[in-house]
C-alpha cells in the first residue's frame, strides 16, 4: 500500500500544543498544515514559528477547510466533546487529547457519531505508542519475563511546584483532579500491558475541600488475573515508575509515559532496554495515520473499548 501524506491541523494552542506540533513534524506521512486558536494573533505567531500553511481564529473555519485531513484537539478538557463532534460533523478524522471526555456516556456518543460519519477517532494516549513501550510490549508477548503477573504504575507531582498556573478547569470535580490529569497515564499503561478487560476495581482517594481528587490509589484486576496497582498524586512526589513483574523477571521504567530507556532484571542480571525517539507524541500520530490509510475508523490498540476501560476506572472514582 502506498502511503500518502496527510495534512494535520491542531485546534487549541495551549501549553501541550507545542509538543504535539513537534510530534507532528517528526511523523512520517504527516505534514503540519494548520493551527487554530480563538486568539488569531496567537495562531499567527505559531504559524510563523512552525511554518505551517495556514492559521485560523475560528475552529469552524478550520473545519470548513477542505484540505484538512486530520485534526488534533488540544483544547481544555471540558470542551473536548463539543469540539470532537464539530470536527466529525465536517467529516474530519480526529485525535483528541486525554482524557477524551469526562464519562462513558459521552465517549459512546462520540464514537457512535464517528462511525456514522465514517471518520477515524482516537484518544491521545502517547504512552502506548512510544518506541520503548512498543518494544517492551513485544518483549512481554514473547515471554521474556515469563507470564505477566503484576503491574505497578505511578505518576505523581507536587502541585505547588510543578503545576503552577494551571487553568481553573483542572480543578473541576467532575473531570478535574490528579486522577483525570496524570492518573490516566498509569491506568492506560496497566490496561495496555495486562491486555484484558477489567474484572475488579478498588480505589482509595483523597479529595480537596472543593471536591477534586488530590491523591488516588487503585487496585485493578483483569480477566486473566493479572493485578495492577495504579496511583497519582498532586501532594507527594512519589517515584514515577512503571513495573512489569513476570515469572522469570521484571521490567522497570522511570517516567514510563515518555522514556527512552528501561531495565530488564532477571535474577542478579540487569540489562538496559533502549530506543531512539525524537518526540514522545510522534508514535501516536503515526499510528493514527496508519489506521486512516487502512480505512479504519478505530485503532485496534486504542479504540472505543480501550478508552471505555480507562473511563471505567475514572468513573469509579466518583463513587468512592
C-alpha atoms as a PDB file:
ATOM      1  CA  UNK A   1       0.000   0.000   0.000  1.00  0.00           C
ATOM      2  CA  UNK A   2       1.340   3.422  -0.964  1.00  0.00           C
ATOM      3  CA  UNK A   3       1.085   5.792   1.997  1.00  0.00           C
ATOM      4  CA  UNK A   4       0.074   9.340   1.203  1.00  0.00           C
ATOM      5  CA  UNK A   5       0.913  12.330   3.378  1.00  0.00           C
ATOM      6  CA  UNK A   6      -1.975  13.603   5.481  1.00  0.00           C
ATOM      7  CA  UNK A   7      -2.466  17.286   6.263  1.00  0.00           C
ATOM      8  CA  UNK A   8      -2.790  17.645  10.025  1.00  0.00           C
ATOM      9  CA  UNK A   9      -4.292  20.610  11.867  1.00  0.00           C
ATOM     10  CA  UNK A  10      -4.132  21.483  15.565  1.00  0.00           C
ATOM     11  CA  UNK A  11      -7.070  23.010  17.441  1.00  0.00           C
ATOM     12  CA  UNK A  12      -6.142  24.824  20.648  1.00  0.00           C
ATOM     13  CA  UNK A  13      -2.700  26.315  21.223  1.00  0.00           C
ATOM     14  CA  UNK A  14      -2.185  25.921  24.957  1.00  0.00           C
ATOM     15  CA  UNK A  15       0.894  24.562  26.700  1.00  0.00           C
ATOM     16  CA  UNK A  16       0.677  20.981  25.385  1.00  0.00           C
ATOM     17  CA  UNK A  17       0.268  22.050  21.734  1.00  0.00           C
ATOM     18  CA  UNK A  18       3.972  22.889  21.265  1.00  0.00           C
ATOM     19  CA  UNK A  19       4.958  19.295  21.945  1.00  0.00           C
ATOM     20  CA  UNK A  20       2.100  17.957  19.809  1.00  0.00           C
ATOM     21  CA  UNK A  21       3.186  20.164  16.902  1.00  0.00           C
ATOM     22  CA  UNK A  22       6.774  18.940  17.202  1.00  0.00           C
ATOM     23  CA  UNK A  23       5.468  15.367  17.235  1.00  0.00           C
ATOM     24  CA  UNK A  24       3.572  16.006  14.002  1.00  0.00           C
ATOM     25  CA  UNK A  25       6.641  17.493  12.367  1.00  0.00           C
ATOM     26  CA  UNK A  26       8.703  14.383  13.128  1.00  0.00           C
ATOM     27  CA  UNK A  27       5.962  11.995  11.971  1.00  0.00           C
ATOM     28  CA  UNK A  28       6.180  10.119   8.691  1.00  0.00           C
ATOM     29  CA  UNK A  29       3.333  10.714   6.246  1.00  0.00           C
ATOM     30  CA  UNK A  30       2.187  13.822   8.165  1.00  0.00           C
ATOM     31  CA  UNK A  31       2.566  17.494   7.462  1.00  0.00           C
ATOM     32  CA  UNK A  32       1.581  20.296   9.804  1.00  0.00           C
ATOM     33  CA  UNK A  33      -0.944  22.125   7.650  1.00  0.00           C
ATOM     34  CA  UNK A  34      -2.838  24.454  10.018  1.00  0.00           C
ATOM     35  CA  UNK A  35      -3.037  25.751  13.573  1.00  0.00           C
ATOM     36  CA  UNK A  36      -6.105  27.303  15.149  1.00  0.00           C
ATOM     37  CA  UNK A  37      -6.875  29.419  18.186  1.00  0.00           C
ATOM     38  CA  UNK A  38      -9.735  31.717  19.091  1.00  0.00           C
ATOM     39  CA  UNK A  39      -6.959  34.277  19.525  1.00  0.00           C
ATOM     40  CA  UNK A  40      -5.992  34.821  15.887  1.00  0.00           C
ATOM     41  CA  UNK A  41      -2.783  36.695  16.750  1.00  0.00           C
ATOM     42  CA  UNK A  42      -1.657  33.705  18.793  1.00  0.00           C
ATOM     43  CA  UNK A  43      -2.423  31.376  15.882  1.00  0.00           C
ATOM     44  CA  UNK A  44      -0.496  33.654  13.526  1.00  0.00           C
ATOM     45  CA  UNK A  45       2.590  33.607  15.757  1.00  0.00           C
ATOM     46  CA  UNK A  46       2.504  29.802  15.990  1.00  0.00           C
ATOM     47  CA  UNK A  47       2.061  29.544  12.202  1.00  0.00           C
ATOM     48  CA  UNK A  48       5.136  31.699  11.661  1.00  0.00           C
ATOM     49  CA  UNK A  49       7.191  29.813  14.235  1.00  0.00           C
ATOM     50  CA  UNK A  50       6.418  26.359  12.855  1.00  0.00           C
ATOM     51  CA  UNK A  51       5.970  27.408   9.212  1.00  0.00           C
ATOM     52  CA  UNK A  52       2.668  25.677   8.584  1.00  0.00           C
ATOM     53  CA  UNK A  53       0.476  26.655   5.628  1.00  0.00           C
ATOM     54  CA  UNK A  54      -2.446  28.456   7.247  1.00  0.00           C
ATOM     55  CA  UNK A  55      -3.851  29.611  10.563  1.00  0.00           C
ATOM     56  CA  UNK A  56      -7.375  30.345  11.721  1.00  0.00           C
ATOM     57  CA  UNK A  57      -9.052  32.293  14.504  1.00  0.00           C
ATOM     58  CA  UNK A  58     -12.141  30.089  14.377  1.00  0.00           C
ATOM     59  CA  UNK A  59     -12.480  26.352  14.904  1.00  0.00           C
ATOM     60  CA  UNK A  60     -15.379  26.175  12.479  1.00  0.00           C
ATOM     61  CA  UNK A  61     -13.369  27.966   9.789  1.00  0.00           C
ATOM     62  CA  UNK A  62     -10.664  25.323  10.153  1.00  0.00           C
ATOM     63  CA  UNK A  63     -13.196  22.522   9.856  1.00  0.00           C
ATOM     64  CA  UNK A  64     -14.543  24.089   6.666  1.00  0.00           C
ATOM     65  CA  UNK A  65     -11.103  23.925   5.026  1.00  0.00           C
ATOM     66  CA  UNK A  66     -11.347  21.044   2.510  1.00  0.00           C
ATOM     67  CA  UNK A  67      -7.593  20.416   2.644  1.00  0.00           C
ATOM     68  CA  UNK A  68      -7.586  19.363   6.310  1.00  0.00           C
ATOM     69  CA  UNK A  69      -7.408  15.570   6.676  1.00  0.00           C
ATOM     70  CA  UNK A  70      -6.823  15.053  10.402  1.00  0.00           C
ATOM     71  CA  UNK A  71      -7.406  17.331  13.405  1.00  0.00           C
ATOM     72  CA  UNK A  72      -5.589  17.005  16.717  1.00  0.00           C
ATOM     73  CA  UNK A  73      -7.636  18.583  19.535  1.00  0.00           C
ATOM     74  CA  UNK A  74      -5.636  20.276  22.306  1.00  0.00           C
ATOM     75  CA  UNK A  75      -8.406  22.388  23.841  1.00  0.00           C
ATOM     76  CA  UNK A  76      -9.350  22.306  27.570  1.00  0.00           C
ATOM     77  CA  UNK A  77     -10.862  19.006  28.725  1.00  0.00           C
ATOM     78  CA  UNK A  78     -14.427  20.326  29.300  1.00  0.00           C
ATOM     79  CA  UNK A  79     -14.535  21.402  25.618  1.00  0.00           C
ATOM     80  CA  UNK A  80     -13.356  18.125  24.113  1.00  0.00           C
ATOM     81  CA  UNK A  81     -16.756  16.626  23.419  1.00  0.00           C
ATOM     82  CA  UNK A  82     -18.170  19.639  21.575  1.00  0.00           C
ATOM     83  CA  UNK A  83     -15.000  20.013  19.520  1.00  0.00           C
ATOM     84  CA  UNK A  84     -14.896  16.308  18.642  1.00  0.00           C
ATOM     85  CA  UNK A  85     -18.489  16.487  17.414  1.00  0.00           C
ATOM     86  CA  UNK A  86     -17.754  19.706  15.491  1.00  0.00           C
ATOM     87  CA  UNK A  87     -14.777  18.194  13.664  1.00  0.00           C
ATOM     88  CA  UNK A  88     -16.632  14.981  12.894  1.00  0.00           C
ATOM     89  CA  UNK A  89     -19.603  16.954  11.549  1.00  0.00           C
ATOM     90  CA  UNK A  90     -17.278  18.231   8.820  1.00  0.00           C
ATOM     91  CA  UNK A  91     -16.013  14.684   8.133  1.00  0.00           C
ATOM     92  CA  UNK A  92     -12.559  15.235   9.617  1.00  0.00           C
ATOM     93  CA  UNK A  93     -10.559  12.466  11.263  1.00  0.00           C
ATOM     94  CA  UNK A  94      -9.813  13.256  14.920  1.00  0.00           C
ATOM     95  CA  UNK A  95      -7.217  12.633  17.604  1.00  0.00           C
ATOM     96  CA  UNK A  96      -8.244  14.186  20.930  1.00  0.00           C
ATOM     97  CA  UNK A  97      -6.021  14.791  23.930  1.00  0.00           C
ATOM     98  CA  UNK A  98      -6.632  12.709  27.033  1.00  0.00           C
ATOM     99  CA  UNK A  99      -8.961  12.314  28.753  1.00  0.00           C
ATOM    100  CA  UNK A 100     -11.111  12.459  25.643  1.00  0.00           C
ATOM    101  CA  UNK A 101     -14.319  13.058  27.602  1.00  0.00           C
ATOM    102  CA  UNK A 102     -15.477  13.025  31.233  1.00  0.00           C
ATOM    103  CA  UNK A 103     -17.630   9.894  31.225  1.00  0.00           C
ATOM    104  CA  UNK A 104     -18.538   6.704  29.370  1.00  0.00           C
ATOM    105  CA  UNK A 105     -21.858   8.062  28.101  1.00  0.00           C
ATOM    106  CA  UNK A 106     -20.116  10.897  26.253  1.00  0.00           C
ATOM    107  CA  UNK A 107     -17.457   8.513  24.958  1.00  0.00           C
ATOM    108  CA  UNK A 108     -20.076   6.251  23.407  1.00  0.00           C
ATOM    109  CA  UNK A 109     -21.806   9.244  21.805  1.00  0.00           C
ATOM    110  CA  UNK A 110     -18.566  10.461  20.220  1.00  0.00           C
ATOM    111  CA  UNK A 111     -17.558   7.070  18.831  1.00  0.00           C
ATOM    112  CA  UNK A 112     -21.078   6.411  17.569  1.00  0.00           C
ATOM    113  CA  UNK A 113     -21.061   9.703  15.693  1.00  0.00           C
ATOM    114  CA  UNK A 114     -17.594   8.976  14.275  1.00  0.00           C
ATOM    115  CA  UNK A 115     -18.910   5.681  12.931  1.00  0.00           C
ATOM    116  CA  UNK A 116     -21.953   7.441  11.444  1.00  0.00           C
ATOM    117  CA  UNK A 117     -19.639   9.951   9.726  1.00  0.00           C
ATOM    118  CA  UNK A 118     -17.191   7.280   8.591  1.00  0.00           C
ATOM    119  CA  UNK A 119     -14.331   9.068  10.359  1.00  0.00           C
ATOM    120  CA  UNK A 120     -11.415   7.876  12.468  1.00  0.00           C
ATOM    121  CA  UNK A 121     -11.478   8.851  16.142  1.00  0.00           C
ATOM    122  CA  UNK A 122      -8.813   8.130  18.769  1.00  0.00           C
ATOM    123  CA  UNK A 123      -7.975   9.307  22.251  1.00  0.00           C
ATOM    124  CA  UNK A 124      -4.424  10.609  22.536  1.00  0.00           C
ATOM    125  CA  UNK A 125      -2.568   8.359  24.955  1.00  0.00           C
ATOM    126  CA  UNK A 126       1.004   8.702  23.736  1.00  0.00           C
ATOM    127  CA  UNK A 127       2.142   6.243  26.437  1.00  0.00           C
ATOM    128  CA  UNK A 128       1.043   3.244  24.400  1.00  0.00           C
ATOM    129  CA  UNK A 129       2.793   4.306  21.208  1.00  0.00           C
ATOM    130  CA  UNK A 130       6.276   5.331  22.320  1.00  0.00           C
ATOM    131  CA  UNK A 131       9.018   3.216  20.722  1.00  0.00           C
ATOM    132  CA  UNK A 132      10.038   1.966  24.168  1.00  0.00           C
ATOM    133  CA  UNK A 133       6.604   0.750  25.247  1.00  0.00           C
ATOM    134  CA  UNK A 134       6.002  -0.825  21.856  1.00  0.00           C
ATOM    135  CA  UNK A 135       9.297  -2.698  22.237  1.00  0.00           C
ATOM    136  CA  UNK A 136       8.548  -3.728  25.824  1.00  0.00           C
ATOM    137  CA  UNK A 137       5.061  -4.904  24.838  1.00  0.00           C
ATOM    138  CA  UNK A 138       6.605  -7.219  22.252  1.00  0.00           C
ATOM    139  CA  UNK A 139       9.130  -8.488  24.808  1.00  0.00           C
ATOM    140  CA  UNK A 140       6.311  -9.303  27.247  1.00  0.00           C
ATOM    141  CA  UNK A 141       4.343 -11.057  24.497  1.00  0.00           C
ATOM    142  CA  UNK A 142       7.478 -13.016  23.577  1.00  0.00           C
ATOM    143  CA  UNK A 143       7.726 -14.261  27.170  1.00  0.00           C
ATOM    144  CA  UNK A 144      10.989 -12.520  28.080  1.00  0.00           C
ATOM    145  CA  UNK A 145       9.833 -12.133  31.720  1.00  0.00           C
ATOM    146  CA  UNK A 146       7.604 -15.202  31.636  1.00  0.00           C
ATOM    147  CA  UNK A 147       3.895 -14.969  32.330  1.00  0.00           C
ATOM    148  CA  UNK A 148       2.967 -11.415  33.375  1.00  0.00           C
ATOM    149  CA  UNK A 149       1.566 -11.421  36.902  1.00  0.00           C
ATOM    150  CA  UNK A 150       1.599  -7.926  38.386  1.00  0.00           C
ATOM    151  CA  UNK A 151       1.900  -4.292  37.263  1.00  0.00           C
ATOM    152  CA  UNK A 152       2.644  -1.085  39.139  1.00  0.00           C
ATOM    153  CA  UNK A 153       2.487   2.404  37.672  1.00  0.00           C
ATOM    154  CA  UNK A 154       2.540   5.808  39.310  1.00  0.00           C
ATOM    155  CA  UNK A 155       2.584   9.402  38.143  1.00  0.00           C
ATOM    156  CA  UNK A 156       2.794  11.902  40.978  1.00  0.00           C
ATOM    157  CA  UNK A 157       3.938  15.512  41.261  1.00  0.00           C
ATOM    158  CA  UNK A 158       3.757  18.350  43.742  1.00  0.00           C
ATOM    159  CA  UNK A 159       1.004  20.691  42.645  1.00  0.00           C
ATOM    160  CA  UNK A 160       2.674  23.694  44.284  1.00  0.00           C
ATOM    161  CA  UNK A 161       5.933  23.055  42.410  1.00  0.00           C
ATOM    162  CA  UNK A 162       5.134  21.553  39.007  1.00  0.00           C
ATOM    163  CA  UNK A 163       1.605  22.724  38.276  1.00  0.00           C
ATOM    164  CA  UNK A 164       1.763  26.452  38.900  1.00  0.00           C
ATOM    165  CA  UNK A 165      -0.509  28.470  36.641  1.00  0.00           C
ATOM    166  CA  UNK A 166      -2.908  25.602  35.934  1.00  0.00           C
ATOM    167  CA  UNK A 167      -6.261  26.652  34.492  1.00  0.00           C
ATOM    168  CA  UNK A 168      -9.328  26.612  36.728  1.00  0.00           C
ATOM    169  CA  UNK A 169     -10.955  23.766  34.744  1.00  0.00           C
ATOM    170  CA  UNK A 170      -8.212  21.429  36.002  1.00  0.00           C
ATOM    171  CA  UNK A 171      -9.874  21.570  39.410  1.00  0.00           C
ATOM    172  CA  UNK A 172     -13.415  20.711  38.369  1.00  0.00           C
ATOM    173  CA  UNK A 173     -14.951  17.968  40.484  1.00  0.00           C
ATOM    174  CA  UNK A 174     -16.489  16.105  37.515  1.00  0.00           C
ATOM    175  CA  UNK A 175     -13.387  15.819  35.308  1.00  0.00           C
ATOM    176  CA  UNK A 176     -10.501  17.509  37.101  1.00  0.00           C
ATOM    177  CA  UNK A 177      -8.069  16.474  39.796  1.00  0.00           C
ATOM    178  CA  UNK A 178      -4.953  14.344  39.728  1.00  0.00           C
ATOM    179  CA  UNK A 179      -6.640  11.109  38.599  1.00  0.00           C
ATOM    180  CA  UNK A 180      -8.035  12.660  35.409  1.00  0.00           C
ATOM    181  CA  UNK A 181      -4.901  14.743  34.823  1.00  0.00           C
ATOM    182  CA  UNK A 182      -1.993  12.357  35.417  1.00  0.00           C
ATOM    183  CA  UNK A 183      -3.558   9.198  36.855  1.00  0.00           C
ATOM    184  CA  UNK A 184      -4.787   8.273  33.391  1.00  0.00           C
ATOM    185  CA  UNK A 185      -1.201   7.585  32.341  1.00  0.00           C
ATOM    186  CA  UNK A 186      -0.894   4.858  34.954  1.00  0.00           C
ATOM    187  CA  UNK A 187      -4.334   3.415  34.164  1.00  0.00           C
ATOM    188  CA  UNK A 188      -3.776   3.158  30.420  1.00  0.00           C
ATOM    189  CA  UNK A 189      -0.270   1.732  30.982  1.00  0.00           C
ATOM    190  CA  UNK A 190      -1.640  -1.025  33.217  1.00  0.00           C
ATOM    191  CA  UNK A 191      -4.537  -1.773  30.871  1.00  0.00           C
ATOM    192  CA  UNK A 192      -2.220  -1.919  27.857  1.00  0.00           C
ATOM    193  CA  UNK A 193       0.208  -4.420  29.330  1.00  0.00           C
ATOM    194  CA  UNK A 194      -2.454  -6.522  31.068  1.00  0.00           C
ATOM    195  CA  UNK A 195      -4.096  -6.925  27.672  1.00  0.00           C
ATOM    196  CA  UNK A 196      -7.503  -7.945  29.050  1.00  0.00           C
ATOM    197  CA  UNK A 197     -10.681  -6.259  30.245  1.00  0.00           C
ATOM    198  CA  UNK A 198     -11.018  -5.189  33.856  1.00  0.00           C
ATOM    199  CA  UNK A 199     -12.864  -7.513  36.214  1.00  0.00           C
ATOM    200  CA  UNK A 200     -12.451  -5.639  39.506  1.00  0.00           C
ATOM    201  CA  UNK A 201     -11.685  -2.057  40.572  1.00  0.00           C
ATOM    202  CA  UNK A 202     -10.937  -0.899  44.126  1.00  0.00           C
ATOM    203  CA  UNK A 203      -9.967   2.724  44.744  1.00  0.00           C
ATOM    204  CA  UNK A 204      -8.817   4.817  47.673  1.00  0.00           C
ATOM    205  CA  UNK A 205      -8.960   8.606  47.161  1.00  0.00           C
ATOM    206  CA  UNK A 206      -8.293  11.864  48.926  1.00  0.00           C
ATOM    207  CA  UNK A 207     -10.251  14.940  47.848  1.00  0.00           C
ATOM    208  CA  UNK A 208      -9.686  18.651  48.294  1.00  0.00           C
ATOM    209  CA  UNK A 209     -12.468  20.565  50.010  1.00  0.00           C
ATOM    210  CA  UNK A 210     -13.586  21.783  46.557  1.00  0.00           C
ATOM    211  CA  UNK A 211     -14.276  18.180  45.574  1.00  0.00           C
ATOM    212  CA  UNK A 212     -11.478  17.345  43.122  1.00  0.00           C
ATOM    213  CA  UNK A 213      -9.075  14.468  43.752  1.00  0.00           C
ATOM    214  CA  UNK A 214      -5.586  15.239  45.111  1.00  0.00           C
ATOM    215  CA  UNK A 215      -4.386  11.678  45.740  1.00  0.00           C
ATOM    216  CA  UNK A 216      -5.567   8.375  44.318  1.00  0.00           C
ATOM    217  CA  UNK A 217      -4.563   4.741  44.525  1.00  0.00           C
ATOM    218  CA  UNK A 218      -6.304   1.867  42.800  1.00  0.00           C
ATOM    219  CA  UNK A 219      -6.064  -1.904  42.717  1.00  0.00           C
ATOM    220  CA  UNK A 220      -7.143  -3.369  39.406  1.00  0.00           C
ATOM    221  CA  UNK A 221      -7.764  -6.984  38.472  1.00  0.00           C
ATOM    222  CA  UNK A 222      -8.101  -8.187  34.896  1.00  0.00           C
ATOM    223  CA  UNK A 223      -9.921 -11.146  33.378  1.00  0.00           C
ATOM    224  CA  UNK A 224      -6.602 -13.017  33.031  1.00  0.00           C
ATOM    225  CA  UNK A 225      -5.981 -12.490  36.794  1.00  0.00           C
ATOM    226  CA  UNK A 226      -3.142 -10.028  36.247  1.00  0.00           C
ATOM    227  CA  UNK A 227      -3.300  -7.442  39.033  1.00  0.00           C
ATOM    228  CA  UNK A 228      -2.158  -3.818  38.965  1.00  0.00           C
ATOM    229  CA  UNK A 229      -1.527  -1.007  41.414  1.00  0.00           C
ATOM    230  CA  UNK A 230      -2.002   2.475  39.919  1.00  0.00           C
ATOM    231  CA  UNK A 231      -1.505   5.747  41.738  1.00  0.00           C
ATOM    232  CA  UNK A 232      -1.392   9.501  41.245  1.00  0.00           C
ATOM    233  CA  UNK A 233      -0.920  12.495  43.494  1.00  0.00           C
ATOM    234  CA  UNK A 234      -0.710  16.266  43.459  1.00  0.00           C
ATOM    235  CA  UNK A 235       0.583  16.266  47.046  1.00  0.00           C
ATOM    236  CA  UNK A 236       3.593  13.979  47.081  1.00  0.00           C
ATOM    237  CA  UNK A 237       6.412  13.448  44.598  1.00  0.00           C
ATOM    238  CA  UNK A 238       6.438   9.634  44.741  1.00  0.00           C
ATOM    239  CA  UNK A 239       8.682   7.916  42.198  1.00  0.00           C
ATOM    240  CA  UNK A 240       7.201   7.932  38.731  1.00  0.00           C
ATOM    241  CA  UNK A 241       7.946   4.427  37.515  1.00  0.00           C
ATOM    242  CA  UNK A 242       6.289   1.546  35.740  1.00  0.00           C
ATOM    243  CA  UNK A 243       6.940  -2.033  36.869  1.00  0.00           C
ATOM    244  CA  UNK A 244       6.065  -5.214  34.997  1.00  0.00           C
ATOM    245  CA  UNK A 245       6.533  -8.383  37.064  1.00  0.00           C
ATOM    246  CA  UNK A 246       6.635 -11.804  35.457  1.00  0.00           C
ATOM    247  CA  UNK A 247       7.531 -15.360  36.487  1.00  0.00           C
ATOM    248  CA  UNK A 248      11.082 -15.016  35.144  1.00  0.00           C
ATOM    249  CA  UNK A 249      11.920 -11.377  35.806  1.00  0.00           C
ATOM    250  CA  UNK A 250      10.713  -7.804  35.759  1.00  0.00           C
ATOM    251  CA  UNK A 251      10.995  -4.630  33.711  1.00  0.00           C
ATOM    252  CA  UNK A 252      11.355  -1.236  35.377  1.00  0.00           C
ATOM    253  CA  UNK A 253      10.921   2.085  33.595  1.00  0.00           C
ATOM    254  CA  UNK A 254      11.209   5.585  35.032  1.00  0.00           C
ATOM    255  CA  UNK A 255       8.811   8.147  33.521  1.00  0.00           C
ATOM    256  CA  UNK A 256       7.173   5.274  31.662  1.00  0.00           C
ATOM    257  CA  UNK A 257       4.937   7.547  29.554  1.00  0.00           C
ATOM    258  CA  UNK A 258       7.822   9.241  27.731  1.00  0.00           C
ATOM    259  CA  UNK A 259      11.067   7.387  28.438  1.00  0.00           C
ATOM    260  CA  UNK A 260      13.671   6.056  26.032  1.00  0.00           C
ATOM    261  CA  UNK A 261      15.202   3.600  28.488  1.00  0.00           C
ATOM    262  CA  UNK A 262      14.112   0.779  30.811  1.00  0.00           C
ATOM    263  CA  UNK A 263      15.821  -2.041  32.691  1.00  0.00           C
ATOM    264  CA  UNK A 264      15.193  -5.777  32.359  1.00  0.00           C
ATOM    265  CA  UNK A 265      16.017  -7.534  35.645  1.00  0.00           C
ATOM    266  CA  UNK A 266      16.436 -11.304  35.728  1.00  0.00           C
ATOM    267  CA  UNK A 267      17.975 -12.561  38.961  1.00  0.00           C
ATOM    268  CA  UNK A 268      21.234 -10.667  39.502  1.00  0.00           C
ATOM    269  CA  UNK A 269      21.476  -9.582  35.862  1.00  0.00           C
ATOM    270  CA  UNK A 270      20.343  -6.115  34.787  1.00  0.00           C
ATOM    271  CA  UNK A 271      20.080  -5.315  31.085  1.00  0.00           C
ATOM    272  CA  UNK A 272      19.247  -1.932  29.621  1.00  0.00           C
ATOM    273  CA  UNK A 273      16.478  -1.613  27.065  1.00  0.00           C
ATOM    274  CA  UNK A 274      16.993   1.480  24.911  1.00  0.00           C
ATOM    275  CA  UNK A 275      15.346   3.090  21.890  1.00  0.00           C
ATOM    276  CA  UNK A 276      15.749   6.295  19.912  1.00  0.00           C
ATOM    277  CA  UNK A 277      12.908   8.830  19.911  1.00  0.00           C
ATOM    278  CA  UNK A 278      12.669  12.420  18.725  1.00  0.00           C
ATOM    279  CA  UNK A 279       9.239  13.142  20.204  1.00  0.00           C
ATOM    280  CA  UNK A 280       7.043  11.140  22.564  1.00  0.00           C
ATOM    281  CA  UNK A 281       3.987  12.332  20.580  1.00  0.00           C
ATOM    282  CA  UNK A 282       5.107  11.065  17.182  1.00  0.00           C
ATOM    283  CA  UNK A 283       4.199   7.411  17.699  1.00  0.00           C
ATOM    284  CA  UNK A 284       0.505   8.024  18.359  1.00  0.00           C
ATOM    285  CA  UNK A 285       0.263  10.334  15.336  1.00  0.00           C
ATOM    286  CA  UNK A 286       1.940   7.820  13.033  1.00  0.00           C
ATOM    287  CA  UNK A 287      -0.319   5.074  14.368  1.00  0.00           C
ATOM    288  CA  UNK A 288      -3.457   7.127  13.714  1.00  0.00           C
ATOM    289  CA  UNK A 289      -2.321   7.934  10.181  1.00  0.00           C
ATOM    290  CA  UNK A 290      -1.578   4.259   9.515  1.00  0.00           C
ATOM    291  CA  UNK A 291      -5.109   3.347  10.661  1.00  0.00           C
ATOM    292  CA  UNK A 292      -6.662   6.049   8.464  1.00  0.00           C
ATOM    293  CA  UNK A 293      -4.632   4.885   5.451  1.00  0.00           C
ATOM    294  CA  UNK A 294      -6.026   1.375   6.006  1.00  0.00           C
ATOM    295  CA  UNK A 295      -9.590   2.681   6.090  1.00  0.00           C
ATOM    296  CA  UNK A 296     -10.081   2.043   9.813  1.00  0.00           C
ATOM    297  CA  UNK A 297     -12.295   4.267  11.937  1.00  0.00           C
ATOM    298  CA  UNK A 298     -10.883   2.990  15.241  1.00  0.00           C
ATOM    299  CA  UNK A 299      -7.459   1.978  16.471  1.00  0.00           C
ATOM    300  CA  UNK A 300      -7.038  -1.719  17.281  1.00  0.00           C
ATOM    301  CA  UNK A 301      -4.761  -0.640  20.152  1.00  0.00           C
ATOM    302  CA  UNK A 302      -6.732   2.326  21.494  1.00  0.00           C
ATOM    303  CA  UNK A 303     -10.278   2.257  20.176  1.00  0.00           C
ATOM    304  CA  UNK A 304     -13.626   2.690  21.894  1.00  0.00           C
ATOM    305  CA  UNK A 305     -13.312  -0.384  24.113  1.00  0.00           C
ATOM    306  CA  UNK A 306      -9.849   0.552  25.395  1.00  0.00           C
ATOM    307  CA  UNK A 307     -10.854   4.154  26.142  1.00  0.00           C
ATOM    308  CA  UNK A 308     -14.006   2.858  27.809  1.00  0.00           C
ATOM    309  CA  UNK A 309     -11.900   0.666  30.107  1.00  0.00           C
ATOM    310  CA  UNK A 310      -9.900   3.726  31.212  1.00  0.00           C
ATOM    311  CA  UNK A 311     -13.110   5.650  31.912  1.00  0.00           C
ATOM    312  CA  UNK A 312     -14.467   2.727  33.926  1.00  0.00           C
ATOM    313  CA  UNK A 313     -11.733   3.437  36.473  1.00  0.00           C
ATOM    314  CA  UNK A 314     -12.170   7.218  36.339  1.00  0.00           C
ATOM    315  CA  UNK A 315     -15.936   6.955  36.765  1.00  0.00           C
ATOM    316  CA  UNK A 316     -15.444   4.663  39.749  1.00  0.00           C
ATOM    317  CA  UNK A 317     -13.537   7.500  41.418  1.00  0.00           C
ATOM    318  CA  UNK A 318     -16.797   9.463  41.650  1.00  0.00           C
ATOM    319  CA  UNK A 319     -18.395   6.641  43.642  1.00  0.00           C
ATOM    320  CA  UNK A 320     -15.725   6.428  46.359  1.00  0.00           C
END
